[in-house]
Amino acid sequence: METTAEAGHAGRTGWYIDERCTDCDVARQLAPALVRAGEGRSEIVRQPENPAETAELRAAALACHTRSIRPPGGRLDPAAPDPFPLPLDENVLLCGHNSPRTAGANSYLLPRPSGNWMMVDTPRFSEPLARRWTAERHITDVLLTHRDHAAHGRRWADRLDARLWIHEGDLDAAPDADRVLRGRAPTEIGEGVVAVPLPGHTRGSVLYLADEDYCFSGDSFYWARTLEDLEVAQSVTWYSIEELAASLASVAGELRFTWLLPGHGGRKRLPPEEMGLRLRRLAERAATLRPRPVDFTAVRW
């Protein structure tokens, strides 16, 4: 059935972004040369000029949690290939198919040396996706970074016959989790994967470190392209910005990684020494922040 958005733009001759866009930044991550920040939502800068750019916009459209990115005529070709899960490098995949129930958060697939896989946060649940993604993968664990990203956790874990993980501080968001992280100490939870509690964004926020290379930071911090630096979402902190600052200060000198892979905001790869220096500086800046009213429009992407 044709949606109102599709019907209203059926005569379009180029790609466009409709009024449902929430300015979540996902499209700008996947098609940075074609999509820019506008007044409260993303905008198409120009039309794609080659198949590679068309593929970027299609990936952005399939990741968009509001389905706001539309091709000419308003409807994606269902026969065109789905690029997700999309390799970010040889060891981590971006799930795409972001969910409105997680505010459009990114999620990831992480292979382990044994041949098993882990899912960090989750995309929207879809049985066709589950069938396709499990045809060649055995996903043993679903790792939730915090309550905001818990919506599809149980369903994915049950479908995958996988263990669902969450921290006790956010346990009410996934009360039937199979594994509950407790306290503040880092915990090794699998092959080369360590869970590091980082309360602040929520009481039970956790980041996951893999192989001293990948940092899945949830919503605790991200790469802000407008600042060209690490950043925290001061204006979207549900528990305590002071607690987040204290958490960052407690781990900033110990965490070692090269790839920052957040739930929201930019991804970034830097040498571990530079990443560590920027993280220590972020902890220092965060210590100067004070609580403010929640304001999604104030986030600096």
C-alpha atoms as a PDB file:
ATOM      1  CA  MET A   1       0.000   0.000   0.000  1.00  0.00           C
ATOM      2  CA  GLU A   2       1.327   3.448  -0.932  1.00  0.00           C
ATOM      3  CA  THR A   3       2.068   5.640   2.089  1.00  0.00           C
ATOM      4  CA  THR A   4       1.091   9.288   2.393  1.00  0.00           C
ATOM      5  CA  ALA A   5       4.758  10.260   2.031  1.00  0.00           C
ATOM      6  CA  GLU A   6       5.079   8.212  -1.148  1.00  0.00           C
ATOM      7  CA  ALA A   7       1.863   9.561  -2.622  1.00  0.00           C
ATOM      8  CA  GLY A   8       2.868  13.140  -1.900  1.00  0.00           C
ATOM      9  CA  HIS A   9       6.163  12.789  -3.764  1.00  0.00           C
ATOM     10  CA  ALA A  10       5.282  10.291  -6.490  1.00  0.00           C
ATOM     11  CA  GLY A  11       6.144  12.769  -9.229  1.00  0.00           C
ATOM     12  CA  ARG A  12       9.673  13.428  -7.987  1.00  0.00           C
ATOM     13  CA  THR A  13      12.437  12.940 -10.541  1.00  0.00           C
ATOM     14  CA  GLY A  14      15.320  12.701  -8.085  1.00  0.00           C
ATOM     15  CA  TRP A  15      16.242  11.358  -4.684  1.00  0.00           C
ATOM     16  CA  TYR A  16      14.799  13.325  -1.769  1.00  0.00           C
ATOM     17  CA  ILE A  17      14.388  13.226   2.027  1.00  0.00           C
ATOM     18  CA  ASP A  18      10.858  13.622   3.334  1.00  0.00           C
ATOM     19  CA  GLU A  19       9.487  15.504   6.327  1.00  0.00           C
ATOM     20  CA  ARG A  20       9.646  12.519   8.690  1.00  0.00           C
ATOM     21  CA  CYS A  21      13.450  12.812   8.989  1.00  0.00           C
ATOM     22  CA  THR A  22      14.584  13.213  12.613  1.00  0.00           C
ATOM     23  CA  ASP A  23      18.100  14.489  11.828  1.00  0.00           C
ATOM     24  CA  CYS A  24      19.659  11.328  13.303  1.00  0.00           C
ATOM     25  CA  ASP A  25      22.841  11.669  11.172  1.00  0.00           C
ATOM     26  CA  VAL A  26      22.776   8.098   9.779  1.00  0.00           C
ATOM     27  CA  ALA A  27      22.364   9.169   6.142  1.00  0.00           C
ATOM     28  CA  ARG A  28      25.243  11.626   6.441  1.00  0.00           C
ATOM     29  CA  GLN A  29      27.455   8.836   7.762  1.00  0.00           C
ATOM     30  CA  LEU A  30      26.712   6.579   4.791  1.00  0.00           C
ATOM     31  CA  ALA A  31      26.552   9.146   1.979  1.00  0.00           C
ATOM     32  CA  PRO A  32      28.569  12.122   3.215  1.00  0.00           C
ATOM     33  CA  ALA A  33      29.091  13.666  -0.215  1.00  0.00           C
ATOM     34  CA  LEU A  34      25.389  13.547  -1.058  1.00  0.00           C
ATOM     35  CA  VAL A  35      23.612  14.382   2.219  1.00  0.00           C
ATOM     36  CA  ARG A  36      24.083  17.370   4.504  1.00  0.00           C
ATOM     37  CA  ALA A  37      22.494  18.762   7.652  1.00  0.00           C
ATOM     38  CA  GLY A  38      19.597  21.120   6.951  1.00  0.00           C
ATOM     39  CA  GLU A  39      17.096  22.917   9.150  1.00  0.00           C
ATOM     40  CA  GLY A  40      16.195  20.175  11.594  1.00  0.00           C
ATOM     41  CA  ARG A  41      16.615  17.353   9.090  1.00  0.00           C
ATOM     42  CA  SER A  42      18.999  16.038   6.457  1.00  0.00           C
ATOM     43  CA  GLU A  43      18.928  17.280   2.882  1.00  0.00           C
ATOM     44  CA  ILE A  44      20.138  15.881  -0.435  1.00  0.00           C
ATOM     45  CA  VAL A  45      23.074  18.003  -1.616  1.00  0.00           C
ATOM     46  CA  ARG A  46      23.002  16.700  -5.179  1.00  0.00           C
ATOM     47  CA  GLN A  47      21.809  13.695  -7.129  1.00  0.00           C
ATOM     48  CA  PRO A  48      24.093  10.651  -7.492  1.00  0.00           C
ATOM     49  CA  GLU A  49      26.317  10.749 -10.554  1.00  0.00           C
ATOM     50  CA  ASN A  50      27.381   7.114 -10.803  1.00  0.00           C
ATOM     51  CA  PRO A  51      26.390   3.635  -9.584  1.00  0.00           C
ATOM     52  CA  ALA A  52      28.621   3.885  -6.510  1.00  0.00           C
ATOM     53  CA  GLU A  53      26.881   7.036  -5.317  1.00  0.00           C
ATOM     54  CA  THR A  54      23.470   5.523  -6.026  1.00  0.00           C
ATOM     55  CA  ALA A  55      24.501   2.539  -3.884  1.00  0.00           C
ATOM     56  CA  GLU A  56      25.461   4.911  -1.057  1.00  0.00           C
ATOM     57  CA  LEU A  57      22.033   6.540  -1.093  1.00  0.00           C
ATOM     58  CA  ARG A  58      20.333   3.146  -1.224  1.00  0.00           C
ATOM     59  CA  ALA A  59      22.337   2.044   1.831  1.00  0.00           C
ATOM     60  CA  ALA A  60      21.327   5.258   3.615  1.00  0.00           C
ATOM     61  CA  ALA A  61      17.691   4.624   2.678  1.00  0.00           C
ATOM     62  CA  LEU A  62      17.783   1.088   4.065  1.00  0.00           C
ATOM     63  CA  ALA A  63      19.427   2.282   7.288  1.00  0.00           C
ATOM     64  CA  CYS A  64      17.053   5.218   7.827  1.00  0.00           C
ATOM     65  CA  HIS A  65      14.748   4.442  10.752  1.00  0.00           C
ATOM     66  CA  THR A  66      11.927   6.661   9.443  1.00  0.00           C
ATOM     67  CA  ARG A  67      12.292   5.493   5.817  1.00  0.00           C
ATOM     68  CA  SER A  68      12.618   9.163   4.870  1.00  0.00           C
ATOM     69  CA  ILE A  69      15.208   8.763   2.103  1.00  0.00           C
ATOM     70  CA  ARG A  70      13.367   8.165  -1.144  1.00  0.00           C
ATOM     71  CA  PRO A  71      14.412   7.484  -4.751  1.00  0.00           C
ATOM     72  CA  PRO A  72      12.674   8.999  -7.757  1.00  0.00           C
ATOM     73  CA  GLY A  73       9.026   7.991  -7.608  1.00  0.00           C
ATOM     74  CA  GLY A  74       9.185   7.368  -3.856  1.00  0.00           C
ATOM     75  CA  ARG A  75       9.659   3.600  -3.660  1.00  0.00           C
ATOM     76  CA  LEU A  76      12.883   1.561  -3.393  1.00  0.00           C
ATOM     77  CA  ASP A  77      13.313  -1.232  -5.903  1.00  0.00           C
ATOM     78  CA  PRO A  78      12.804  -4.421  -3.840  1.00  0.00           C
ATOM     79  CA  ALA A  79      14.891  -6.400  -6.337  1.00  0.00           C
ATOM     80  CA  ALA A  80      17.986  -4.229  -5.830  1.00  0.00           C
ATOM     81  CA  PRO A  81      20.658  -5.733  -3.571  1.00  0.00           C
ATOM     82  CA  ASP A  82      20.714  -5.023   0.153  1.00  0.00           C
ATOM     83  CA  PRO A  83      24.275  -4.039   1.161  1.00  0.00           C
ATOM     84  CA  PHE A  84      23.775  -4.891   4.818  1.00  0.00           C
ATOM     85  CA  PRO A  85      25.467  -6.115   6.847  1.00  0.00           C
ATOM     86  CA  LEU A  86      28.014  -3.736   5.386  1.00  0.00           C
ATOM     87  CA  PRO A  87      31.724  -4.423   6.039  1.00  0.00           C
ATOM     88  CA  LEU A  88      33.468  -1.502   7.726  1.00  0.00           C
ATOM     89  CA  ASP A  89      36.707  -3.460   7.608  1.00  0.00           C
ATOM     90  CA  GLU A  90      37.652  -7.135   7.569  1.00  0.00           C
ATOM     91  CA  ASN A  91      36.450  -7.678  11.145  1.00  0.00           C
ATOM     92  CA  VAL A  92      33.287  -5.678  11.783  1.00  0.00           C
ATOM     93  CA  LEU A  93      30.004  -5.217   9.908  1.00  0.00           C
ATOM     94  CA  LEU A  94      27.391  -2.460  10.145  1.00  0.00           C
ATOM     95  CA  CYS A  95      23.874  -3.902  10.428  1.00  0.00           C
ATOM     96  CA  GLY A  96      21.879  -1.017   8.937  1.00  0.00           C
ATOM     97  CA  HIS A  97      18.067  -1.343   9.051  1.00  0.00           C
ATOM     98  CA  ASN A  98      18.015   0.983  12.065  1.00  0.00           C
ATOM     99  CA  SER A  99      14.922   0.967  14.244  1.00  0.00           C
ATOM    100  CA  PRO A 100      12.595   3.798  15.298  1.00  0.00           C
ATOM    101  CA  ARG A 101      12.397   2.034  18.660  1.00  0.00           C
ATOM    102  CA  THR A 102      16.096   2.740  19.281  1.00  0.00           C
ATOM    103  CA  ALA A 103      15.991   6.311  17.909  1.00  0.00           C
ATOM    104  CA  GLY A 104      17.757   5.080  14.788  1.00  0.00           C
ATOM    105  CA  ALA A 105      20.829   3.694  16.561  1.00  0.00           C
ATOM    106  CA  ASN A 106      23.509   1.837  14.634  1.00  0.00           C
ATOM    107  CA  SER A 107      24.298  -1.782  15.444  1.00  0.00           C
ATOM    108  CA  TYR A 108      27.151  -4.073  14.509  1.00  0.00           C
ATOM    109  CA  LEU A 109      28.186  -7.677  13.876  1.00  0.00           C
ATOM    110  CA  LEU A 110      31.535  -8.827  15.231  1.00  0.00           C
ATOM    111  CA  PRO A 111      33.171 -12.138  14.192  1.00  0.00           C
ATOM    112  CA  ARG A 112      35.198 -14.071  16.727  1.00  0.00           C
ATOM    113  CA  PRO A 113      38.237 -16.317  16.125  1.00  0.00           C
ATOM    114  CA  SER A 114      36.189 -19.460  16.815  1.00  0.00           C
ATOM    115  CA  GLY A 115      33.915 -18.658  13.870  1.00  0.00           C
ATOM    116  CA  ASN A 116      31.071 -17.452  16.099  1.00  0.00           C
ATOM    117  CA  TRP A 117      29.674 -13.907  15.925  1.00  0.00           C
ATOM    118  CA  MET A 118      28.381 -11.288  18.348  1.00  0.00           C
ATOM    119  CA  MET A 119      25.735  -8.625  17.682  1.00  0.00           C
ATOM    120  CA  VAL A 120      26.281  -5.276  19.430  1.00  0.00           C
ATOM    121  CA  ASP A 121      22.921  -3.563  19.885  1.00  0.00           C
ATOM    122  CA  THR A 122      20.315  -4.501  17.308  1.00  0.00           C
ATOM    123  CA  PRO A 123      18.665  -3.378  14.095  1.00  0.00           C
ATOM    124  CA  ARG A 124      14.888  -3.535  13.678  1.00  0.00           C
ATOM    125  CA  PHE A 125      13.746  -7.137  13.822  1.00  0.00           C
ATOM    126  CA  SER A 126      12.908  -8.782  10.513  1.00  0.00           C
ATOM    127  CA  GLU A 127      12.545 -12.496   9.850  1.00  0.00           C
ATOM    128  CA  PRO A 128      13.920 -12.165   6.287  1.00  0.00           C
ATOM    129  CA  LEU A 129      16.975 -10.376   7.689  1.00  0.00           C
ATOM    130  CA  ALA A 130      17.410 -13.033  10.352  1.00  0.00           C
ATOM    131  CA  ARG A 131      17.261 -15.835   7.774  1.00  0.00           C
ATOM    132  CA  ARG A 132      19.755 -14.148   5.478  1.00  0.00           C
ATOM    133  CA  TRP A 133      22.173 -13.097   8.189  1.00  0.00           C
ATOM    134  CA  THR A 134      22.249 -16.506   9.882  1.00  0.00           C
ATOM    135  CA  ALA A 135      22.671 -18.528   6.698  1.00  0.00           C
ATOM    136  CA  GLU A 136      26.456 -18.311   7.081  1.00  0.00           C
ATOM    137  CA  ARG A 137      26.838 -17.005  10.648  1.00  0.00           C
ATOM    138  CA  HIS A 138      26.354 -18.444  14.125  1.00  0.00           C
ATOM    139  CA  ILE A 139      25.562 -15.459  16.346  1.00  0.00           C
ATOM    140  CA  THR A 140      25.967 -16.504  19.980  1.00  0.00           C
ATOM    141  CA  ASP A 141      25.564 -13.224  21.892  1.00  0.00           C
ATOM    142  CA  VAL A 142      23.527 -10.017  21.675  1.00  0.00           C
ATOM    143  CA  LEU A 143      25.303  -7.258  23.618  1.00  0.00           C
ATOM    144  CA  LEU A 144      23.176  -4.289  24.674  1.00  0.00           C
ATOM    145  CA  THR A 145      25.050  -1.093  25.465  1.00  0.00           C
ATOM    146  CA  HIS A 146      22.157   0.448  27.441  1.00  0.00           C
ATOM    147  CA  ARG A 147      18.397   0.708  27.851  1.00  0.00           C
ATOM    148  CA  ASP A 148      17.738   2.969  24.834  1.00  0.00           C
ATOM    149  CA  HIS A 149      18.869   0.183  22.501  1.00  0.00           C
ATOM    150  CA  ALA A 150      17.107  -2.729  24.200  1.00  0.00           C
ATOM    151  CA  ALA A 151      13.827  -2.727  22.247  1.00  0.00           C
ATOM    152  CA  HIS A 152      14.568  -5.649  19.912  1.00  0.00           C
ATOM    153  CA  GLY A 153      17.148  -7.431  22.059  1.00  0.00           C
ATOM    154  CA  ARG A 154      15.020 -10.271  23.361  1.00  0.00           C
ATOM    155  CA  ARG A 155      13.449 -11.008  19.997  1.00  0.00           C
ATOM    156  CA  TRP A 156      16.782 -11.136  18.203  1.00  0.00           C
ATOM    157  CA  ALA A 157      18.355 -13.249  20.953  1.00  0.00           C
ATOM    158  CA  ASP A 158      15.487 -15.742  20.866  1.00  0.00           C
ATOM    159  CA  ARG A 159      15.554 -15.961  17.078  1.00  0.00           C
ATOM    160  CA  LEU A 160      19.320 -16.477  17.083  1.00  0.00           C
ATOM    161  CA  ASP A 161      19.301 -18.801  20.118  1.00  0.00           C
ATOM    162  CA  ALA A 162      21.819 -16.345  21.564  1.00  0.00           C
ATOM    163  CA  ARG A 163      22.573 -14.944  25.015  1.00  0.00           C
ATOM    164  CA  LEU A 164      21.237 -11.438  25.731  1.00  0.00           C
ATOM    165  CA  TRP A 165      23.506  -9.181  27.822  1.00  0.00           C
ATOM    166  CA  ILE A 166      22.731  -5.957  29.719  1.00  0.00           C
ATOM    167  CA  HIS A 167      24.028  -4.166  32.816  1.00  0.00           C
ATOM    168  CA  GLU A 168      22.073  -4.344  36.061  1.00  0.00           C
ATOM    169  CA  GLY A 169      21.661  -0.559  36.033  1.00  0.00           C
ATOM    170  CA  ASP A 170      19.377  -0.873  33.003  1.00  0.00           C
ATOM    171  CA  LEU A 171      17.975  -4.317  33.755  1.00  0.00           C
ATOM    172  CA  ASP A 172      14.384  -3.100  33.848  1.00  0.00           C
ATOM    173  CA  ALA A 173      14.686  -2.469  30.086  1.00  0.00           C
ATOM    174  CA  ALA A 174      15.532  -6.151  29.510  1.00  0.00           C
ATOM    175  CA  PRO A 175      14.451  -7.984  32.677  1.00  0.00           C
ATOM    176  CA  ASP A 176      14.697 -11.379  30.975  1.00  0.00           C
ATOM    177  CA  ALA A 177      18.324 -10.928  29.897  1.00  0.00           C
ATOM    178  CA  ASP A 178      20.383 -14.104  30.014  1.00  0.00           C
ATOM    179  CA  ARG A 179      23.551 -12.475  31.308  1.00  0.00           C
ATOM    180  CA  VAL A 180      23.597  -9.474  33.670  1.00  0.00           C
ATOM    181  CA  LEU A 181      26.718  -7.374  34.076  1.00  0.00           C
ATOM    182  CA  ARG A 182      27.154  -6.070  37.615  1.00  0.00           C
ATOM    183  CA  GLY A 183      29.206  -3.399  39.308  1.00  0.00           C
ATOM    184  CA  ARG A 184      31.825  -1.122  37.773  1.00  0.00           C
ATOM    185  CA  ALA A 185      34.699  -3.480  37.042  1.00  0.00           C
ATOM    186  CA  PRO A 186      35.542  -4.464  33.443  1.00  0.00           C
ATOM    187  CA  THR A 187      34.431  -8.026  32.706  1.00  0.00           C
ATOM    188  CA  GLU A 188      35.719 -10.373  30.011  1.00  0.00           C
ATOM    189  CA  ILE A 189      32.593 -11.840  28.454  1.00  0.00           C
ATOM    190  CA  GLY A 190      33.901 -13.791  25.482  1.00  0.00           C
ATOM    191  CA  GLU A 191      36.719 -14.277  23.017  1.00  0.00           C
ATOM    192  CA  GLY A 192      38.721 -11.061  23.266  1.00  0.00           C
ATOM    193  CA  VAL A 193      35.670  -9.013  24.309  1.00  0.00           C
ATOM    194  CA  VAL A 194      35.552  -6.961  27.526  1.00  0.00           C
ATOM    195  CA  ALA A 195      32.488  -5.151  28.886  1.00  0.00           C
ATOM    196  CA  VAL A 196      33.360  -1.835  30.561  1.00  0.00           C
ATOM    197  CA  PRO A 197      30.538  -0.261  32.620  1.00  0.00           C
ATOM    198  CA  LEU A 198      30.354   3.470  31.912  1.00  0.00           C
ATOM    199  CA  PRO A 199      27.372   4.943  33.795  1.00  0.00           C
ATOM    200  CA  GLY A 200      26.301   8.402  32.758  1.00  0.00           C
ATOM    201  CA  HIS A 201      24.201   8.448  29.597  1.00  0.00           C
ATOM    202  CA  THR A 202      22.090   5.921  31.493  1.00  0.00           C
ATOM    203  CA  ARG A 203      22.713   4.260  34.823  1.00  0.00           C
ATOM    204  CA  GLY A 204      23.595   0.977  33.111  1.00  0.00           C
ATOM    205  CA  SER A 205      25.544   2.189  30.081  1.00  0.00           C
ATOM    206  CA  VAL A 206      28.330  -0.145  28.961  1.00  0.00           C
ATOM    207  CA  LEU A 207      30.934  -0.054  26.228  1.00  0.00           C
ATOM    208  CA  TYR A 208      32.395  -3.189  24.704  1.00  0.00           C
ATOM    209  CA  LEU A 209      36.056  -3.490  23.720  1.00  0.00           C
ATOM    210  CA  ALA A 210      37.135  -6.167  21.262  1.00  0.00           C
ATOM    211  CA  ASP A 211      40.735  -7.200  20.644  1.00  0.00           C
ATOM    212  CA  GLU A 212      42.057  -3.825  21.904  1.00  0.00           C
ATOM    213  CA  ASP A 213      40.981  -2.529  18.506  1.00  0.00           C
ATOM    214  CA  TYR A 214      37.208  -1.951  18.434  1.00  0.00           C
ATOM    215  CA  CYS A 215      35.272   0.183  20.920  1.00  0.00           C
ATOM    216  CA  PHE A 216      31.480  -0.109  20.737  1.00  0.00           C
ATOM    217  CA  SER A 217      30.626   2.930  22.831  1.00  0.00           C
ATOM    218  CA  GLY A 218      26.835   2.939  22.688  1.00  0.00           C
ATOM    219  CA  ASP A 219      25.698   6.495  23.395  1.00  0.00           C
ATOM    220  CA  SER A 220      28.490   7.341  25.849  1.00  0.00           C
ATOM    221  CA  PHE A 221      30.674   9.187  23.326  1.00  0.00           C
ATOM    222  CA  TYR A 222      31.117   9.468  19.564  1.00  0.00           C
ATOM    223  CA  TRP A 223      33.097  11.223  16.824  1.00  0.00           C
ATOM    224  CA  ALA A 224      31.652  14.644  16.011  1.00  0.00           C
ATOM    225  CA  ARG A 225      32.569  15.489  12.422  1.00  0.00           C
ATOM    226  CA  THR A 226      31.692  19.166  12.905  1.00  0.00           C
ATOM    227  CA  LEU A 227      34.263  19.364  15.712  1.00  0.00           C
ATOM    228  CA  GLU A 228      36.721  16.799  14.319  1.00  0.00           C
ATOM    229  CA  ASP A 229      36.978  15.323  17.818  1.00  0.00           C
ATOM    230  CA  LEU A 230      35.425  12.988  20.354  1.00  0.00           C
ATOM    231  CA  GLU A 231      32.247  14.316  21.946  1.00  0.00           C
ATOM    232  CA  VAL A 232      29.527  13.458  24.472  1.00  0.00           C
ATOM    233  CA  ALA A 233      25.851  14.229  23.943  1.00  0.00           C
ATOM    234  CA  GLN A 234      25.477  16.592  26.888  1.00  0.00           C
ATOM    235  CA  SER A 235      21.948  17.561  25.847  1.00  0.00           C
ATOM    236  CA  VAL A 236      20.768  13.934  25.601  1.00  0.00           C
ATOM    237  CA  THR A 237      21.955  12.416  28.863  1.00  0.00           C
ATOM    238  CA  TRP A 238      19.234  10.543  30.720  1.00  0.00           C
ATOM    239  CA  TYR A 239      21.043   9.746  33.973  1.00  0.00           C
ATOM    240  CA  SER A 240      23.887  12.150  34.867  1.00  0.00           C
ATOM    241  CA  ILE A 241      26.413  14.160  32.869  1.00  0.00           C
ATOM    242  CA  GLU A 242      28.538  14.436  36.032  1.00  0.00           C
ATOM    243  CA  GLU A 243      28.525  10.658  36.380  1.00  0.00           C
ATOM    244  CA  LEU A 244      29.489  10.292  32.721  1.00  0.00           C
ATOM    245  CA  ALA A 245      32.402  12.673  33.244  1.00  0.00           C
ATOM    246  CA  ALA A 246      33.545  10.655  36.257  1.00  0.00           C
ATOM    247  CA  SER A 247      33.229   7.420  34.295  1.00  0.00           C
ATOM    248  CA  LEU A 248      35.311   8.783  31.441  1.00  0.00           C
ATOM    249  CA  ALA A 249      37.959  10.039  33.843  1.00  0.00           C
ATOM    250  CA  SER A 250      38.180   6.609  35.485  1.00  0.00           C
ATOM    251  CA  VAL A 251      38.867   4.748  32.227  1.00  0.00           C
ATOM    252  CA  ALA A 252      40.455   7.325  29.924  1.00  0.00           C
ATOM    253  CA  GLY A 253      43.996   6.287  30.762  1.00  0.00           C
ATOM    254  CA  GLU A 254      43.279   2.572  30.418  1.00  0.00           C
ATOM    255  CA  LEU A 255      41.172   2.037  27.308  1.00  0.00           C
ATOM    256  CA  ARG A 256      43.112   1.094  24.174  1.00  0.00           C
ATOM    257  CA  PHE A 257      41.423   0.935  20.785  1.00  0.00           C
ATOM    258  CA  THR A 258      41.671   2.262  17.245  1.00  0.00           C
ATOM    259  CA  TRP A 259      38.080   2.035  15.957  1.00  0.00           C
ATOM    260  CA  LEU A 260      35.313   4.015  17.652  1.00  0.00           C
ATOM    261  CA  LEU A 261      31.930   2.506  16.741  1.00  0.00           C
ATOM    262  CA  PRO A 262      29.092   4.341  18.535  1.00  0.00           C
ATOM    263  CA  GLY A 263      25.344   3.864  18.474  1.00  0.00           C
ATOM    264  CA  HIS A 264      24.781   7.460  17.404  1.00  0.00           C
ATOM    265  CA  GLY A 265      27.231   9.853  15.807  1.00  0.00           C
ATOM    266  CA  GLY A 266      30.289   9.421  13.650  1.00  0.00           C
ATOM    267  CA  ARG A 267      32.616   6.462  13.508  1.00  0.00           C
ATOM    268  CA  LYS A 268      36.358   7.083  13.524  1.00  0.00           C
ATOM    269  CA  ARG A 269      39.614   5.162  13.189  1.00  0.00           C
ATOM    270  CA  LEU A 270      42.806   6.640  14.654  1.00  0.00           C
ATOM    271  CA  PRO A 271      46.111   5.291  15.974  1.00  0.00           C
ATOM    272  CA  PRO A 272      45.570   4.074  19.554  1.00  0.00           C
ATOM    273  CA  GLU A 273      47.906   6.681  21.025  1.00  0.00           C
ATOM    274  CA  GLU A 274      45.976   9.527  19.404  1.00  0.00           C
ATOM    275  CA  MET A 275      42.631   8.001  20.342  1.00  0.00           C
ATOM    276  CA  GLY A 276      43.812   7.699  23.941  1.00  0.00           C
ATOM    277  CA  LEU A 277      44.957  11.330  24.010  1.00  0.00           C
ATOM    278  CA  ARG A 278      41.628  12.531  22.618  1.00  0.00           C
ATOM    279  CA  LEU A 279      39.738  10.412  25.140  1.00  0.00           C
ATOM    280  CA  ARG A 280      41.682  11.941  28.030  1.00  0.00           C
ATOM    281  CA  ARG A 281      40.951  15.418  26.695  1.00  0.00           C
ATOM    282  CA  LEU A 282      37.271  14.505  26.339  1.00  0.00           C
ATOM    283  CA  ALA A 283      37.223  13.438  29.999  1.00  0.00           C
ATOM    284  CA  GLU A 284      38.689  16.807  30.966  1.00  0.00           C
ATOM    285  CA  ARG A 285      36.093  18.716  28.917  1.00  0.00           C
ATOM    286  CA  ALA A 286      33.250  16.570  30.222  1.00  0.00           C
ATOM    287  CA  ALA A 287      34.249  17.442  33.786  1.00  0.00           C
ATOM    288  CA  THR A 288      33.284  21.068  33.062  1.00  0.00           C
ATOM    289  CA  LEU A 289      29.766  20.184  31.832  1.00  0.00           C
ATOM    290  CA  ARG A 290      26.623  20.573  33.902  1.00  0.00           C
ATOM    291  CA  PRO A 291      23.102  19.174  33.508  1.00  0.00           C
ATOM    292  CA  ARG A 292      20.878  20.785  30.926  1.00  0.00           C
ATOM    293  CA  PRO A 293      17.376  20.088  29.608  1.00  0.00           C
ATOM    294  CA  VAL A 294      17.106  17.312  27.052  1.00  0.00           C
ATOM    295  CA  ASP A 295      17.361  18.816  23.580  1.00  0.00           C
ATOM    296  CA  PHE A 296      17.975  16.553  20.593  1.00  0.00           C
ATOM    297  CA  THR A 297      18.504  19.551  18.315  1.00  0.00           C
ATOM    298  CA  ALA A 298      21.545  20.649  20.337  1.00  0.00           C
ATOM    299  CA  VAL A 299      23.599  17.525  19.592  1.00  0.00           C
ATOM    300  CA  ARG A 300      26.693  18.402  17.600  1.00  0.00           C
ATOM    301  CA  TRP A 301      27.151  15.777  14.896  1.00  0.00           C
END
